[in-house]
């Protein structure tokens, strides 16, 4: 069984982003059958159709990485009950020009987090909406909502909560099974 290349997109740009910490933890917990790589999205110029004829180099490289991936993991904070603008921009950049989307026909999953108990539920559900159009086959279960996330890591960015670690391990293992259905 060959390793599946999974592009990991983190929707928070903060230096101490909990979503990045969660993504790194999932990368550490991932089974050997997956090769996960964080694909940076913060440097992407805003999508502008006028640039499609001569796209910025950042778009070209990003589109290449998305096209080469066998699947996608999205780690999103919740901003105003939805996902972050950088994720929306990344979705747009790799889905254009119209008819040349790099996303389609591949599996994906979403993990959302917030400092509150709702755990980014609004962002998680909102991010599922464009996936239908982009033809990304989202893993339905288990869903990943990580609440009280700012309390999960110590000063060395180690995950302190064993129950969360067990959940993340079961989530990435379920995703590995999902990926191999495609």
N, C-alpha and C. Protein backbone atom coordinates (compact mmCIF):
# COMPACT_ATOMS: atom_id res chain seq x y z
N UNK A 1 0.85 -1.18 0.00
CA UNK A 1 0.00 0.00 0.00
C UNK A 1 0.90 1.24 0.00
N UNK A 2 0.72 2.09 -1.01
CA UNK A 2 1.52 3.31 -1.07
C UNK A 2 0.94 4.38 -0.15
N UNK A 3 1.83 5.24 0.34
CA UNK A 3 1.38 6.33 1.21
C UNK A 3 0.54 7.32 0.41
N UNK A 4 -0.50 7.83 1.05
CA UNK A 4 -1.34 8.85 0.45
C UNK A 4 -0.87 10.22 0.92
N UNK A 5 -0.70 11.13 -0.03
CA UNK A 5 -0.26 12.50 0.27
C UNK A 5 -1.48 13.32 0.68
N UNK A 6 -1.42 13.86 1.88
CA UNK A 6 -2.52 14.65 2.42
C UNK A 6 -2.06 16.08 2.64
N UNK A 7 -2.74 17.01 1.99
CA UNK A 7 -2.47 18.43 2.19
C UNK A 7 -3.24 18.89 3.42
N UNK A 8 -2.55 19.51 4.35
CA UNK A 8 -3.14 20.00 5.59
C UNK A 8 -3.19 21.52 5.50
N UNK A 9 -4.40 22.08 5.62
CA UNK A 9 -4.58 23.53 5.55
C UNK A 9 -5.02 24.04 6.91
N UNK A 10 -4.29 25.04 7.42
CA UNK A 10 -4.56 25.62 8.73
C UNK A 10 -5.11 27.03 8.52
N UNK A 11 -6.31 27.26 9.01
CA UNK A 11 -7.01 28.51 8.76
C UNK A 11 -6.73 29.63 9.74
N UNK A 12 -5.78 29.45 10.63
CA UNK A 12 -5.40 30.50 11.56
C UNK A 12 -3.95 30.89 11.28
N UNK A 13 -3.70 32.18 11.19
CA UNK A 13 -2.36 32.65 10.86
C UNK A 13 -1.55 33.07 12.09
N UNK A 14 -2.17 33.02 13.27
CA UNK A 14 -1.46 33.45 14.48
C UNK A 14 -0.21 32.61 14.72
N UNK A 15 0.81 33.24 15.26
CA UNK A 15 2.05 32.54 15.58
C UNK A 15 1.79 31.36 16.52
N UNK A 16 0.97 31.56 17.52
CA UNK A 16 0.67 30.51 18.50
C UNK A 16 -0.69 29.86 18.22
N UNK A 17 -1.02 29.70 16.96
CA UNK A 17 -2.30 29.15 16.55
C UNK A 17 -2.57 27.77 17.16
N UNK A 18 -3.69 27.65 17.84
CA UNK A 18 -4.10 26.35 18.38
C UNK A 18 -4.41 25.39 17.24
N UNK A 19 -4.96 25.91 16.16
CA UNK A 19 -5.26 25.05 15.01
C UNK A 19 -3.98 24.46 14.41
N UNK A 20 -2.91 25.24 14.36
CA UNK A 20 -1.63 24.71 13.88
C UNK A 20 -1.10 23.67 14.86
N UNK A 21 -1.25 23.93 16.14
CA UNK A 21 -0.80 22.95 17.14
C UNK A 21 -1.59 21.65 17.00
N UNK A 22 -2.90 21.76 16.79
CA UNK A 22 -3.71 20.56 16.58
C UNK A 22 -3.29 19.83 15.30
N UNK A 23 -3.04 20.59 14.24
CA UNK A 23 -2.60 19.97 12.99
C UNK A 23 -1.28 19.23 13.19
N UNK A 24 -0.34 19.85 13.89
CA UNK A 24 0.94 19.20 14.15
C UNK A 24 0.78 17.95 15.00
N UNK A 25 -0.14 17.99 15.95
CA UNK A 25 -0.40 16.81 16.77
C UNK A 25 -0.97 15.68 15.91
N UNK A 26 -1.90 16.00 15.04
CA UNK A 26 -2.49 14.99 14.15
C UNK A 26 -1.41 14.42 13.22
N UNK A 27 -0.52 15.27 12.74
CA UNK A 27 0.58 14.78 11.89
C UNK A 27 1.41 13.76 12.66
N UNK A 28 1.69 14.05 13.94
CA UNK A 28 2.46 13.11 14.77
C UNK A 28 1.71 11.80 15.01
N UNK A 29 0.39 11.88 15.10
CA UNK A 29 -0.43 10.70 15.41
C UNK A 29 -0.84 9.90 14.18
N UNK A 30 -0.60 10.44 13.00
CA UNK A 30 -1.08 9.81 11.77
C UNK A 30 -0.45 8.45 11.53
N UNK A 31 -1.23 7.54 10.97
CA UNK A 31 -0.67 6.22 10.64
C UNK A 31 0.34 6.33 9.51
N UNK A 32 1.18 5.33 9.39
CA UNK A 32 2.23 5.31 8.38
C UNK A 32 1.68 5.35 6.95
N UNK A 33 0.42 5.04 6.78
CA UNK A 33 -0.17 5.02 5.44
C UNK A 33 -0.42 6.41 4.87
N UNK A 34 -0.28 7.44 5.71
CA UNK A 34 -0.50 8.82 5.28
C UNK A 34 0.77 9.64 5.40
N UNK A 35 1.00 10.48 4.40
CA UNK A 35 2.09 11.46 4.44
C UNK A 35 1.43 12.83 4.48
N UNK A 36 1.37 13.43 5.67
CA UNK A 36 0.71 14.72 5.85
C UNK A 36 1.71 15.86 5.78
N UNK A 37 1.32 16.92 5.08
CA UNK A 37 2.16 18.10 4.96
C UNK A 37 1.29 19.35 5.07
N UNK A 38 1.70 20.26 5.94
CA UNK A 38 1.00 21.54 6.02
C UNK A 38 1.35 22.34 4.76
N UNK A 39 0.30 22.74 4.06
CA UNK A 39 0.45 23.58 2.88
C UNK A 39 0.03 24.98 3.30
N UNK A 40 0.98 25.89 3.30
CA UNK A 40 0.73 27.24 3.79
C UNK A 40 -0.24 27.99 2.89
N UNK A 41 -1.13 28.78 3.52
CA UNK A 41 -2.13 29.53 2.75
C UNK A 41 -2.12 31.03 3.06
N UNK A 42 -1.41 31.44 4.07
CA UNK A 42 -1.41 32.84 4.48
C UNK A 42 -0.74 33.78 3.49
N UNK A 43 0.14 33.25 2.66
CA UNK A 43 0.89 34.06 1.71
C UNK A 43 0.17 34.24 0.38
N UNK A 44 -0.96 33.56 0.18
CA UNK A 44 -1.66 33.62 -1.11
C UNK A 44 -2.29 34.99 -1.32
N UNK A 45 -1.96 35.65 -2.44
CA UNK A 45 -2.68 36.89 -2.75
C UNK A 45 -4.17 36.59 -2.88
N UNK A 46 -5.00 37.56 -2.53
CA UNK A 46 -6.44 37.39 -2.66
C UNK A 46 -6.80 37.01 -4.08
N UNK A 47 -7.76 36.09 -4.19
CA UNK A 47 -8.17 35.67 -5.52
C UNK A 47 -8.79 36.85 -6.28
N UNK A 48 -8.33 37.03 -7.51
CA UNK A 48 -8.84 38.06 -8.39
C UNK A 48 -8.81 37.47 -9.80
N UNK A 49 -9.97 37.32 -10.40
CA UNK A 49 -10.07 36.69 -11.71
C UNK A 49 -9.20 37.38 -12.76
N UNK A 50 -8.94 38.67 -12.60
CA UNK A 50 -8.09 39.39 -13.54
C UNK A 50 -6.68 38.81 -13.60
N UNK A 51 -6.26 38.12 -12.55
CA UNK A 51 -4.90 37.57 -12.50
C UNK A 51 -4.78 36.17 -13.10
N UNK A 52 -5.91 35.57 -13.49
CA UNK A 52 -5.87 34.19 -13.98
C UNK A 52 -5.02 34.01 -15.24
N UNK A 53 -4.94 35.03 -16.09
CA UNK A 53 -4.14 34.92 -17.31
C UNK A 53 -2.64 34.88 -17.02
N UNK A 54 -2.23 35.49 -15.93
CA UNK A 54 -0.83 35.52 -15.52
C UNK A 54 -0.80 35.41 -13.99
N UNK A 55 -1.07 34.20 -13.46
CA UNK A 55 -1.24 34.05 -12.02
C UNK A 55 0.05 34.28 -11.23
N UNK A 56 -0.10 34.80 -10.01
CA UNK A 56 1.07 34.96 -9.13
C UNK A 56 1.73 33.60 -8.88
N UNK A 57 3.03 33.62 -8.69
CA UNK A 57 3.78 32.38 -8.44
C UNK A 57 3.23 31.61 -7.23
N UNK A 58 2.76 32.33 -6.20
CA UNK A 58 2.19 31.67 -5.02
C UNK A 58 0.97 30.83 -5.41
N UNK A 59 0.16 31.33 -6.33
CA UNK A 59 -1.01 30.57 -6.79
C UNK A 59 -0.57 29.32 -7.55
N UNK A 60 0.41 29.49 -8.43
CA UNK A 60 0.88 28.37 -9.25
C UNK A 60 1.38 27.24 -8.36
N UNK A 61 2.21 27.58 -7.39
CA UNK A 61 2.77 26.57 -6.48
C UNK A 61 1.68 25.93 -5.63
N UNK A 62 0.77 26.74 -5.11
CA UNK A 62 -0.32 26.22 -4.29
C UNK A 62 -1.21 25.28 -5.10
N UNK A 63 -1.59 25.70 -6.28
CA UNK A 63 -2.44 24.86 -7.13
C UNK A 63 -1.75 23.53 -7.43
N UNK A 64 -0.45 23.56 -7.64
CA UNK A 64 0.31 22.33 -7.90
C UNK A 64 0.23 21.38 -6.70
N UNK A 65 0.47 21.92 -5.51
CA UNK A 65 0.43 21.08 -4.30
C UNK A 65 -0.96 20.51 -4.06
N UNK A 66 -1.99 21.33 -4.28
CA UNK A 66 -3.36 20.84 -4.07
C UNK A 66 -3.70 19.77 -5.09
N UNK A 67 -3.29 19.98 -6.33
CA UNK A 67 -3.55 19.00 -7.38
C UNK A 67 -2.83 17.68 -7.15
N UNK A 68 -1.66 17.71 -6.55
CA UNK A 68 -0.87 16.50 -6.30
C UNK A 68 -1.34 15.73 -5.07
N UNK A 69 -2.10 16.37 -4.22
CA UNK A 69 -2.55 15.73 -2.98
C UNK A 69 -3.61 14.66 -3.27
N UNK A 70 -3.62 13.64 -2.41
CA UNK A 70 -4.62 12.58 -2.50
C UNK A 70 -5.82 12.87 -1.61
N UNK A 71 -5.72 13.87 -0.76
CA UNK A 71 -6.80 14.23 0.14
C UNK A 71 -6.42 15.47 0.93
N UNK A 72 -7.38 15.94 1.74
CA UNK A 72 -7.21 17.22 2.43
C UNK A 72 -7.73 17.16 3.85
N UNK A 73 -6.98 17.79 4.74
CA UNK A 73 -7.44 18.04 6.11
C UNK A 73 -7.48 19.55 6.31
N UNK A 74 -8.58 20.02 6.86
CA UNK A 74 -8.76 21.44 7.15
C UNK A 74 -8.86 21.63 8.65
N UNK A 75 -8.05 22.53 9.19
CA UNK A 75 -8.11 22.89 10.60
C UNK A 75 -8.55 24.35 10.65
N UNK A 76 -9.73 24.59 11.20
CA UNK A 76 -10.26 25.94 11.14
C UNK A 76 -10.67 26.48 12.50
N UNK A 77 -10.34 27.74 12.73
CA UNK A 77 -10.92 28.44 13.88
C UNK A 77 -12.33 28.88 13.48
N UNK A 78 -13.04 29.42 14.43
CA UNK A 78 -14.34 29.99 14.13
C UNK A 78 -14.27 31.49 14.29
N UNK A 79 -14.54 32.20 13.19
CA UNK A 79 -14.59 33.65 13.20
C UNK A 79 -16.02 34.05 12.82
N UNK A 80 -16.73 34.67 13.75
CA UNK A 80 -18.08 35.15 13.48
C UNK A 80 -19.01 34.04 12.97
N UNK A 81 -18.90 32.87 13.58
CA UNK A 81 -19.73 31.70 13.29
C UNK A 81 -19.47 31.06 11.92
N UNK A 82 -18.29 31.36 11.36
CA UNK A 82 -17.92 30.73 10.09
C UNK A 82 -16.41 30.50 10.07
N UNK A 83 -15.93 29.93 8.98
CA UNK A 83 -14.50 29.65 8.85
C UNK A 83 -13.73 30.90 8.43
N UNK A 84 -12.43 30.81 8.47
CA UNK A 84 -11.59 31.98 8.25
C UNK A 84 -11.50 32.38 6.78
N UNK A 85 -11.22 33.64 6.56
CA UNK A 85 -11.07 34.17 5.22
C UNK A 85 -9.91 33.56 4.46
N UNK A 86 -8.84 33.18 5.14
CA UNK A 86 -7.71 32.59 4.43
C UNK A 86 -8.06 31.23 3.85
N UNK A 87 -8.92 30.49 4.54
CA UNK A 87 -9.38 29.21 3.97
C UNK A 87 -10.25 29.48 2.75
N UNK A 88 -11.16 30.45 2.85
CA UNK A 88 -12.01 30.77 1.70
C UNK A 88 -11.16 31.17 0.51
N UNK A 89 -10.15 31.99 0.73
CA UNK A 89 -9.27 32.40 -0.35
C UNK A 89 -8.55 31.20 -0.96
N UNK A 90 -8.06 30.29 -0.12
CA UNK A 90 -7.38 29.09 -0.62
C UNK A 90 -8.32 28.24 -1.46
N UNK A 91 -9.56 28.09 -1.01
CA UNK A 91 -10.54 27.32 -1.80
C UNK A 91 -10.73 27.96 -3.17
N UNK A 92 -10.84 29.28 -3.19
CA UNK A 92 -11.05 30.00 -4.46
C UNK A 92 -9.83 29.89 -5.37
N UNK A 93 -8.64 30.10 -4.83
CA UNK A 93 -7.43 30.08 -5.65
C UNK A 93 -7.28 28.72 -6.35
N UNK A 94 -7.48 27.63 -5.62
CA UNK A 94 -7.26 26.30 -6.21
C UNK A 94 -8.47 25.79 -7.01
N UNK A 95 -9.57 26.53 -7.00
CA UNK A 95 -10.74 26.09 -7.78
C UNK A 95 -10.89 26.87 -9.07
N UNK A 96 -9.99 27.78 -9.34
CA UNK A 96 -10.07 28.65 -10.52
C UNK A 96 -8.83 28.51 -11.37
N UNK A 97 -8.84 28.91 -12.62
CA UNK A 97 -9.96 29.43 -13.36
C UNK A 97 -11.10 28.41 -13.44
N UNK A 98 -12.29 28.92 -13.71
CA UNK A 98 -13.47 28.07 -13.76
C UNK A 98 -13.22 26.87 -14.67
N UNK A 99 -13.58 25.69 -14.17
CA UNK A 99 -13.40 24.46 -14.93
C UNK A 99 -12.04 23.81 -14.75
N UNK A 100 -11.15 24.42 -13.96
CA UNK A 100 -9.81 23.87 -13.76
C UNK A 100 -9.49 23.63 -12.28
N UNK A 101 -10.51 23.30 -11.51
CA UNK A 101 -10.34 23.08 -10.08
C UNK A 101 -9.35 21.96 -9.80
N UNK A 102 -8.52 22.17 -8.83
CA UNK A 102 -7.56 21.16 -8.38
C UNK A 102 -8.12 20.30 -7.24
N UNK A 103 -9.29 20.64 -6.71
CA UNK A 103 -9.84 19.98 -5.53
C UNK A 103 -10.58 18.68 -5.83
N UNK A 104 -11.28 18.62 -6.89
CA UNK A 104 -12.34 17.66 -7.09
C UNK A 104 -12.02 16.18 -7.02
N UNK A 105 -13.01 15.44 -6.51
CA UNK A 105 -12.96 14.00 -6.49
C UNK A 105 -12.06 13.38 -5.46
N UNK A 106 -11.69 14.13 -4.44
CA UNK A 106 -10.78 13.63 -3.42
C UNK A 106 -11.42 13.73 -2.04
N UNK A 107 -10.94 12.92 -1.09
CA UNK A 107 -11.51 12.93 0.26
C UNK A 107 -10.97 14.07 1.12
N UNK A 108 -11.77 14.48 2.08
CA UNK A 108 -11.37 15.52 3.01
C UNK A 108 -12.02 15.35 4.37
N UNK A 109 -11.53 16.11 5.33
CA UNK A 109 -12.11 16.13 6.67
C UNK A 109 -11.79 17.49 7.30
N UNK A 110 -12.62 17.85 8.28
CA UNK A 110 -12.49 19.15 8.94
C UNK A 110 -12.38 18.93 10.44
N UNK A 111 -11.45 19.66 11.06
CA UNK A 111 -11.39 19.78 12.51
C UNK A 111 -11.53 21.26 12.83
N UNK A 112 -12.46 21.58 13.70
CA UNK A 112 -12.63 22.97 14.11
C UNK A 112 -12.35 23.07 15.60
N UNK A 113 -11.93 24.26 15.99
CA UNK A 113 -11.65 24.47 17.41
C UNK A 113 -11.99 25.90 17.79
N UNK A 114 -12.23 26.06 19.07
CA UNK A 114 -12.44 27.40 19.61
C UNK A 114 -12.14 27.36 21.10
N UNK A 115 -12.01 28.56 21.66
CA UNK A 115 -11.75 28.62 23.10
C UNK A 115 -12.99 28.29 23.90
N UNK A 116 -14.14 28.33 23.27
CA UNK A 116 -15.40 28.06 23.96
C UNK A 116 -15.86 26.63 23.82
N UNK A 117 -16.96 26.34 24.47
CA UNK A 117 -17.50 24.98 24.49
C UNK A 117 -18.14 24.56 23.17
N UNK A 118 -18.54 25.52 22.33
CA UNK A 118 -19.16 25.16 21.05
C UNK A 118 -18.15 24.60 20.05
N UNK A 119 -16.88 24.79 20.30
CA UNK A 119 -15.80 24.11 19.58
C UNK A 119 -15.77 24.38 18.09
N UNK A 120 -16.17 25.55 17.68
CA UNK A 120 -16.12 25.87 16.26
C UNK A 120 -17.16 25.17 15.42
N UNK A 121 -18.26 24.79 16.04
CA UNK A 121 -19.31 24.05 15.33
C UNK A 121 -19.82 24.82 14.13
N UNK A 122 -20.00 26.13 14.26
CA UNK A 122 -20.47 26.94 13.14
C UNK A 122 -19.49 26.95 11.98
N UNK A 123 -18.20 27.07 12.29
CA UNK A 123 -17.17 27.07 11.26
C UNK A 123 -17.10 25.72 10.55
N UNK A 124 -17.17 24.65 11.33
CA UNK A 124 -17.09 23.31 10.77
C UNK A 124 -18.23 23.08 9.78
N UNK A 125 -19.43 23.39 10.20
CA UNK A 125 -20.58 23.18 9.32
C UNK A 125 -20.56 24.12 8.12
N UNK A 126 -20.15 25.36 8.31
CA UNK A 126 -20.07 26.31 7.20
C UNK A 126 -19.04 25.87 6.17
N UNK A 127 -17.93 25.31 6.62
CA UNK A 127 -16.88 24.88 5.70
C UNK A 127 -17.32 23.67 4.88
N UNK A 128 -18.23 22.90 5.39
CA UNK A 128 -18.74 21.77 4.62
C UNK A 128 -19.53 22.24 3.38
N UNK A 129 -20.13 23.39 3.46
CA UNK A 129 -20.99 23.87 2.38
C UNK A 129 -20.25 24.00 1.04
N UNK A 130 -19.11 24.71 0.94
CA UNK A 130 -18.44 24.81 -0.36
C UNK A 130 -17.85 23.48 -0.85
N UNK A 131 -17.67 22.53 0.06
CA UNK A 131 -17.08 21.24 -0.33
C UNK A 131 -17.98 20.50 -1.32
N UNK A 132 -19.28 20.72 -1.23
CA UNK A 132 -20.22 20.09 -2.15
C UNK A 132 -19.90 20.56 -3.57
N UNK A 133 -19.79 21.85 -3.77
CA UNK A 133 -19.50 22.39 -5.09
C UNK A 133 -18.09 22.00 -5.56
N UNK A 134 -17.13 21.98 -4.64
CA UNK A 134 -15.76 21.65 -5.00
C UNK A 134 -15.55 20.15 -5.21
N UNK A 135 -16.57 19.36 -4.91
CA UNK A 135 -16.53 17.92 -5.12
C UNK A 135 -15.47 17.24 -4.24
N UNK A 136 -15.33 17.74 -3.02
CA UNK A 136 -14.47 17.11 -2.03
C UNK A 136 -15.37 16.23 -1.17
N UNK A 137 -15.04 14.96 -1.09
CA UNK A 137 -15.87 14.00 -0.35
C UNK A 137 -15.50 14.03 1.13
N UNK A 138 -16.35 14.70 1.89
CA UNK A 138 -16.04 14.91 3.30
C UNK A 138 -16.37 13.69 4.15
N UNK A 139 -15.44 13.34 5.03
CA UNK A 139 -15.67 12.28 6.01
C UNK A 139 -16.80 12.76 6.92
N UNK A 140 -17.79 11.92 7.10
CA UNK A 140 -18.95 12.29 7.92
C UNK A 140 -18.72 12.04 9.41
N UNK A 141 -18.10 10.92 9.74
CA UNK A 141 -17.90 10.54 11.13
C UNK A 141 -16.52 9.94 11.30
N UNK A 142 -15.86 10.20 12.37
CA UNK A 142 -16.28 11.08 13.45
C UNK A 142 -16.06 12.54 13.07
N UNK A 143 -16.93 13.39 13.57
CA UNK A 143 -16.74 14.83 13.41
C UNK A 143 -15.72 15.29 14.45
N UNK A 144 -15.01 16.36 14.14
CA UNK A 144 -13.98 16.85 15.06
C UNK A 144 -14.27 18.29 15.46
N UNK A 145 -14.79 18.44 16.66
CA UNK A 145 -15.04 19.74 17.27
C UNK A 145 -14.22 19.79 18.55
N UNK A 146 -13.23 20.66 18.60
CA UNK A 146 -12.33 20.71 19.75
C UNK A 146 -12.61 21.99 20.54
N UNK A 147 -13.28 21.84 21.67
CA UNK A 147 -13.62 22.98 22.52
C UNK A 147 -12.56 23.25 23.57
N UNK A 148 -12.65 24.45 24.14
CA UNK A 148 -11.70 24.87 25.18
C UNK A 148 -10.25 24.63 24.73
N UNK A 149 -9.99 24.87 23.48
CA UNK A 149 -8.73 24.47 22.87
C UNK A 149 -7.51 25.22 23.38
N UNK A 150 -7.71 26.42 23.88
CA UNK A 150 -6.56 27.18 24.34
C UNK A 150 -5.96 26.62 25.63
N UNK A 151 -6.67 25.70 26.26
CA UNK A 151 -6.18 25.08 27.49
C UNK A 151 -5.52 23.72 27.25
N UNK A 152 -5.44 23.28 26.00
CA UNK A 152 -5.02 21.91 25.71
C UNK A 152 -3.51 21.70 25.65
N UNK A 153 -2.72 22.76 25.44
CA UNK A 153 -1.29 22.61 25.22
C UNK A 153 -0.48 23.28 26.32
N UNK A 154 0.68 22.66 26.63
CA UNK A 154 1.58 23.26 27.60
C UNK A 154 2.51 24.27 26.90
N UNK A 155 3.46 24.81 27.64
CA UNK A 155 4.36 25.83 27.11
C UNK A 155 5.26 25.31 25.99
N UNK A 156 5.47 24.00 25.93
CA UNK A 156 6.29 23.39 24.88
C UNK A 156 5.43 22.87 23.72
N UNK A 157 4.16 23.28 23.70
CA UNK A 157 3.20 22.88 22.66
C UNK A 157 2.88 21.39 22.67
N UNK A 158 3.02 20.76 23.83
CA UNK A 158 2.62 19.36 23.98
C UNK A 158 1.16 19.30 24.38
N UNK A 159 0.43 18.41 23.76
CA UNK A 159 -0.97 18.22 24.11
C UNK A 159 -1.05 17.60 25.50
N UNK A 160 -1.73 18.25 26.41
CA UNK A 160 -1.80 17.81 27.81
C UNK A 160 -2.94 16.83 28.05
N UNK A 161 -3.98 16.91 27.28
CA UNK A 161 -5.19 16.15 27.55
C UNK A 161 -5.17 14.81 26.82
N UNK A 162 -5.07 13.73 27.58
CA UNK A 162 -4.99 12.39 26.99
C UNK A 162 -6.27 12.00 26.26
N UNK A 163 -7.43 12.44 26.74
CA UNK A 163 -8.67 12.13 26.04
C UNK A 163 -8.71 12.79 24.67
N UNK A 164 -8.22 14.01 24.59
CA UNK A 164 -8.16 14.69 23.29
C UNK A 164 -7.18 13.98 22.38
N UNK A 165 -6.05 13.56 22.91
CA UNK A 165 -5.06 12.84 22.11
C UNK A 165 -5.66 11.54 21.57
N UNK A 166 -6.37 10.81 22.40
CA UNK A 166 -7.01 9.56 21.96
C UNK A 166 -8.05 9.85 20.88
N UNK A 167 -8.82 10.91 21.08
CA UNK A 167 -9.81 11.27 20.07
C UNK A 167 -9.14 11.62 18.74
N UNK A 168 -8.10 12.46 18.78
CA UNK A 168 -7.42 12.85 17.55
C UNK A 168 -6.82 11.63 16.84
N UNK A 169 -6.31 10.69 17.61
CA UNK A 169 -5.77 9.46 17.02
C UNK A 169 -6.88 8.68 16.33
N UNK A 170 -8.01 8.55 16.97
CA UNK A 170 -9.12 7.80 16.35
C UNK A 170 -9.64 8.55 15.12
N UNK A 171 -9.63 9.89 15.17
CA UNK A 171 -10.09 10.70 14.04
C UNK A 171 -9.18 10.53 12.83
N UNK A 172 -7.86 10.61 13.03
CA UNK A 172 -6.94 10.48 11.90
C UNK A 172 -6.90 9.04 11.39
N UNK A 173 -7.09 8.08 12.25
CA UNK A 173 -7.18 6.69 11.79
C UNK A 173 -8.44 6.48 10.94
N UNK A 174 -9.55 7.08 11.35
CA UNK A 174 -10.78 7.00 10.57
C UNK A 174 -10.58 7.69 9.22
N UNK A 175 -9.86 8.80 9.22
CA UNK A 175 -9.60 9.50 7.96
C UNK A 175 -8.73 8.63 7.04
N UNK A 176 -7.75 7.95 7.59
CA UNK A 176 -6.90 7.06 6.78
C UNK A 176 -7.78 6.00 6.11
N UNK A 177 -8.70 5.43 6.85
CA UNK A 177 -9.64 4.46 6.26
C UNK A 177 -10.47 5.11 5.16
N UNK A 178 -10.93 6.34 5.41
CA UNK A 178 -11.73 7.08 4.43
C UNK A 178 -10.94 7.32 3.14
N UNK A 179 -9.70 7.74 3.27
CA UNK A 179 -8.86 8.04 2.11
C UNK A 179 -8.71 6.82 1.22
N UNK A 180 -8.55 5.67 1.81
CA UNK A 180 -8.30 4.45 1.02
C UNK A 180 -9.56 3.90 0.37
N UNK A 181 -10.69 4.55 0.58
CA UNK A 181 -11.89 4.17 -0.15
C UNK A 181 -11.92 4.81 -1.53
N UNK A 182 -10.97 5.70 -1.79
CA UNK A 182 -10.94 6.43 -3.07
C UNK A 182 -9.80 5.96 -3.93
